[in-house]
Protein backbone atom coordinates (compact mmCIF):
# COMPACT_ATOMS: atom_id res chain seq x y z
CA MET A 1 -17.74 -11.43 -5.17
CA THR A 2 -14.49 -12.76 -4.22
CA ALA A 3 -13.00 -15.65 -6.05
CA PRO A 4 -11.77 -18.53 -3.99
CA VAL A 5 -8.16 -19.13 -3.33
CA VAL A 6 -6.78 -22.45 -3.96
CA GLY A 7 -3.75 -24.11 -3.04
CA VAL A 8 -2.86 -27.44 -4.53
CA VAL A 9 -0.64 -29.73 -3.33
CA ASP A 10 1.33 -32.11 -5.71
CA GLN A 11 0.42 -35.35 -3.74
CA VAL A 12 -1.69 -36.38 -0.89
CA PRO A 13 1.34 -35.28 1.94
CA ARG A 14 1.92 -37.69 4.77
CA SER A 15 -0.39 -35.74 7.75
CA VAL A 16 -3.51 -36.84 5.72
CA VAL A 17 -3.01 -40.41 5.11
CA ASP A 18 -2.53 -40.70 9.23
CA THR A 19 -5.34 -38.62 10.15
CA GLY A 20 -7.71 -41.27 11.17
CA SER A 21 -10.68 -39.83 10.40
CA GLU A 22 -12.49 -36.61 8.82
CA SER A 23 -13.56 -35.70 12.21
CA GLU A 24 -9.72 -35.71 13.57
CA LEU A 25 -8.67 -33.79 9.88
CA GLU A 26 -11.67 -31.56 10.89
CA ALA A 27 -9.83 -30.93 14.80
CA ARG A 28 -6.86 -30.32 13.22
CA ILE A 29 -8.15 -28.00 11.15
CA TRP A 30 -9.93 -25.94 13.35
CA SER A 31 -6.85 -26.00 15.80
CA ALA A 32 -4.62 -24.34 12.39
CA LEU A 33 -7.34 -21.95 12.27
CA ALA A 34 -7.05 -20.48 16.01
CA GLU A 35 -3.16 -20.29 15.53
CA ILE A 36 -3.86 -17.27 12.64
CA PRO A 37 -4.53 -14.17 12.78
CA ASP A 38 -6.68 -11.32 11.68
CA PRO A 39 -3.74 -9.31 9.89
CA GLU A 40 -5.14 -5.88 11.65
CA LEU A 41 -5.88 -6.86 14.74
CA PRO A 42 -2.77 -9.79 15.67
CA LEU A 43 -3.79 -10.56 19.06
CA VAL A 44 -6.92 -12.33 17.76
CA SER A 45 -7.30 -15.12 15.52
CA VAL A 46 -9.47 -15.69 12.64
CA VAL A 47 -11.51 -18.34 14.86
CA ASP A 48 -12.23 -15.54 17.62
CA LEU A 49 -13.08 -12.57 15.61
CA GLY A 50 -16.00 -15.17 13.88
CA LEU A 51 -14.77 -14.98 10.82
CA ILE A 52 -14.61 -18.97 10.05
CA GLY A 53 -18.11 -20.42 8.96
CA ARG A 54 -18.41 -23.35 7.45
CA VAL A 55 -15.60 -26.13 7.15
CA THR A 56 -15.54 -29.14 4.81
CA ALA A 57 -12.41 -31.26 4.55
CA SER A 58 -11.61 -34.97 3.71
CA PRO A 59 -7.94 -35.69 3.14
CA ALA A 60 -8.76 -35.09 -0.85
CA ARG A 61 -10.17 -31.62 -0.75
CA VAL A 62 -10.69 -29.06 2.53
CA HIS A 63 -13.34 -25.78 2.07
CA VAL A 64 -13.34 -22.56 4.27
CA GLU A 65 -16.04 -20.62 4.35
CA LEU A 66 -14.87 -17.15 5.05
CA LEU A 67 -16.62 -14.28 6.35
CA PRO A 68 -15.73 -10.91 6.03
CA THR A 69 -16.80 -7.93 8.21
CA PHE A 70 -17.96 -5.28 4.96
CA VAL A 71 -18.24 -6.13 1.56
CA GLY A 72 -15.44 -3.97 0.77
CA CYS A 73 -12.72 -5.96 3.43
CA HIS A 74 -9.46 -4.90 2.02
CA ALA A 75 -7.64 -7.61 4.20
CA LEU A 76 -10.06 -10.28 2.73
CA GLU A 77 -7.24 -11.75 -0.09
CA VAL A 78 -4.45 -11.46 3.03
CA MET A 79 -7.05 -14.12 4.82
CA GLN A 80 -7.92 -16.04 2.34
CA THR A 81 -4.15 -16.67 1.20
CA THR A 82 -2.82 -17.30 4.58
CA ILE A 83 -5.64 -19.83 5.39
CA ALA A 84 -4.93 -21.65 2.17
CA ASP A 85 -1.47 -21.47 2.89
CA ARG A 86 -1.22 -22.81 7.13
CA LEU A 87 -3.62 -25.67 5.42
CA ALA A 88 -2.12 -26.10 2.92
CA GLY A 89 -0.70 -29.78 3.88
CA LEU A 90 -3.81 -30.94 5.25
CA ALA A 91 -5.65 -32.00 1.61
CA SER A 92 -4.58 -32.54 -1.79
CA VAL A 93 -6.65 -29.10 -2.42
CA VAL A 94 -7.95 -25.94 -0.16
CA GLU A 95 -10.26 -23.67 -1.20
CA VAL A 96 -10.73 -20.95 1.13
CA GLU A 97 -14.26 -18.96 -0.26
CA ALA A 98 -15.36 -15.45 0.86
CA VAL A 99 -19.30 -15.67 1.53
CA PHE A 100 -21.89 -13.34 2.65
CA ASP A 101 -24.63 -15.27 3.52
CA PRO A 102 -24.81 -15.80 6.34
CA PRO A 103 -23.15 -12.34 6.50
CA TRP A 104 -20.79 -11.87 9.53
CA THR A 105 -22.02 -9.79 12.67
CA SER A 106 -20.45 -9.03 15.55
CA GLU A 107 -22.00 -11.09 18.07
CA ARG A 108 -19.34 -13.73 15.90
CA ILE A 109 -16.43 -12.85 18.06
CA THR A 110 -15.96 -14.91 20.83
CA VAL A 111 -15.82 -14.18 25.06
CA GLU A 112 -11.67 -14.46 24.54
CA GLY A 113 -11.54 -12.31 20.89
CA ARG A 114 -13.50 -9.70 22.77
CA ARG A 115 -10.65 -10.06 25.88
CA HIS A 116 -7.94 -10.00 23.42
CA LEU A 117 -9.31 -6.60 21.71
CA ARG A 118 -9.71 -5.15 24.89
CA ARG A 119 -6.00 -5.55 25.75
CA MET A 120 -5.67 -4.45 21.98
CA GLY A 121 -6.66 -1.02 23.52
CA VAL A 122 -10.02 -1.94 21.65
CA ALA A 123 -13.37 -2.03 22.58
CA PRO A 124 -15.52 -4.80 21.45
CA PRO A 125 -18.86 -4.24 20.13
CA GLY A 126 -21.67 -4.47 22.60
CA THR A 127 -23.60 -7.65 22.48
CA GLY A 128 -27.63 -8.23 22.57
CA GLY A 129 -28.55 -8.88 18.42
CA ALA A 130 -27.82 -5.35 17.07
CA SER A 131 -29.71 -6.09 13.77
CA LEU A 132 -27.80 -2.67 12.25
CA ILE A 133 -24.67 -0.60 12.88
CA SER A 134 -25.97 1.68 15.88
CA LEU A 135 -22.47 4.51 17.07
CA ASP A 136 -25.32 6.09 18.95
CA ALA A 137 -25.10 2.64 21.77
CA PRO A 138 -22.62 2.91 24.99
CA VAL A 139 -19.49 2.34 24.27
CA ALA A 140 -17.21 0.63 27.77
CA CYS A 141 -13.70 2.70 27.42
CA PRO A 142 -11.44 -0.75 26.95
CA HIS A 143 -9.10 1.22 29.33
CA CYS A 144 -10.79 2.48 32.18
CA GLY A 145 -14.63 0.49 31.34
CA SER A 146 -16.00 3.80 31.71
CA SER A 147 -19.52 4.18 29.42
CA ARG A 148 -18.87 8.25 29.03
CA THR A 149 -17.46 7.84 25.97
CA ARG A 150 -18.10 9.70 23.30
CA LEU A 151 -17.81 8.80 19.37
CA GLU A 152 -15.08 11.06 17.73
CA ASN A 153 -15.32 9.52 14.32
CA ALA A 154 -17.48 7.03 12.25
CA PHE A 155 -14.56 6.17 9.76
CA GLY A 156 -12.12 4.64 12.20
CA PRO A 157 -8.94 2.87 10.46
CA THR A 158 -10.96 0.13 8.68
CA GLN A 159 -14.79 -0.27 7.72
CA CYS A 160 -15.28 -2.15 10.74
CA ARG A 161 -14.58 0.31 13.70
CA THR A 162 -14.61 4.05 15.05
CA ILE A 163 -12.71 6.34 16.86
CA ARG A 164 -14.18 7.28 20.21
CA TYR A 165 -12.82 9.36 23.22
CA CYS A 166 -13.28 9.08 26.88
CA PRO A 167 -12.82 11.82 29.04
CA ASP A 168 -12.79 10.02 32.13
CA CYS A 169 -9.05 8.33 31.30
CA ARG A 170 -8.65 11.07 28.71
CA GLN A 171 -7.51 8.61 26.17
CA PRO A 172 -8.75 7.81 22.21
CA PHE A 173 -9.68 4.28 21.21
CA GLU A 174 -10.72 2.24 18.18
CA ALA A 175 -14.19 1.12 18.32
CA PHE A 176 -15.88 -2.27 16.72
CA LYS A 177 -18.89 -1.35 15.33
CA PRO A 178 -21.82 -3.60 16.58
CA ILE A 179 -23.48 -4.94 13.25
């Protein structure tokens, strides 16, 4: 497991002193997290991809659980550092910890996240509680909507995506693996 990324601010920032309550602080944290794009899918935030687990916050310490899509996610350290940097002004100590319990599943991707994926030409995973990676499930083409697509390669640009092809619009596209 990757060690948490910790950022320490020399003194409590003025913005933390003025927050008023921890629930306001948590709201500010979630708002800031929603602005952080996934490093590989820049139109989708880490929140909309469902990568953020539990957040605990006080003016002294913020702890964010990051749920990687796969154990070997090569963007993990980039995400941890980006999140810690973005939240640095909200508490004296910011910790971003990669956790695998609970595991990330494709069900965590929000409706907005799915919309952004389609806009990027990436087919979002289907819904329905898939418990294993299923490469046989029909995948709608993000370009034309056809479900007559076929798997071209189970190994896409990252561990969580595949390459598919749509014979109707003749477009190759990436698809998220349902987990």
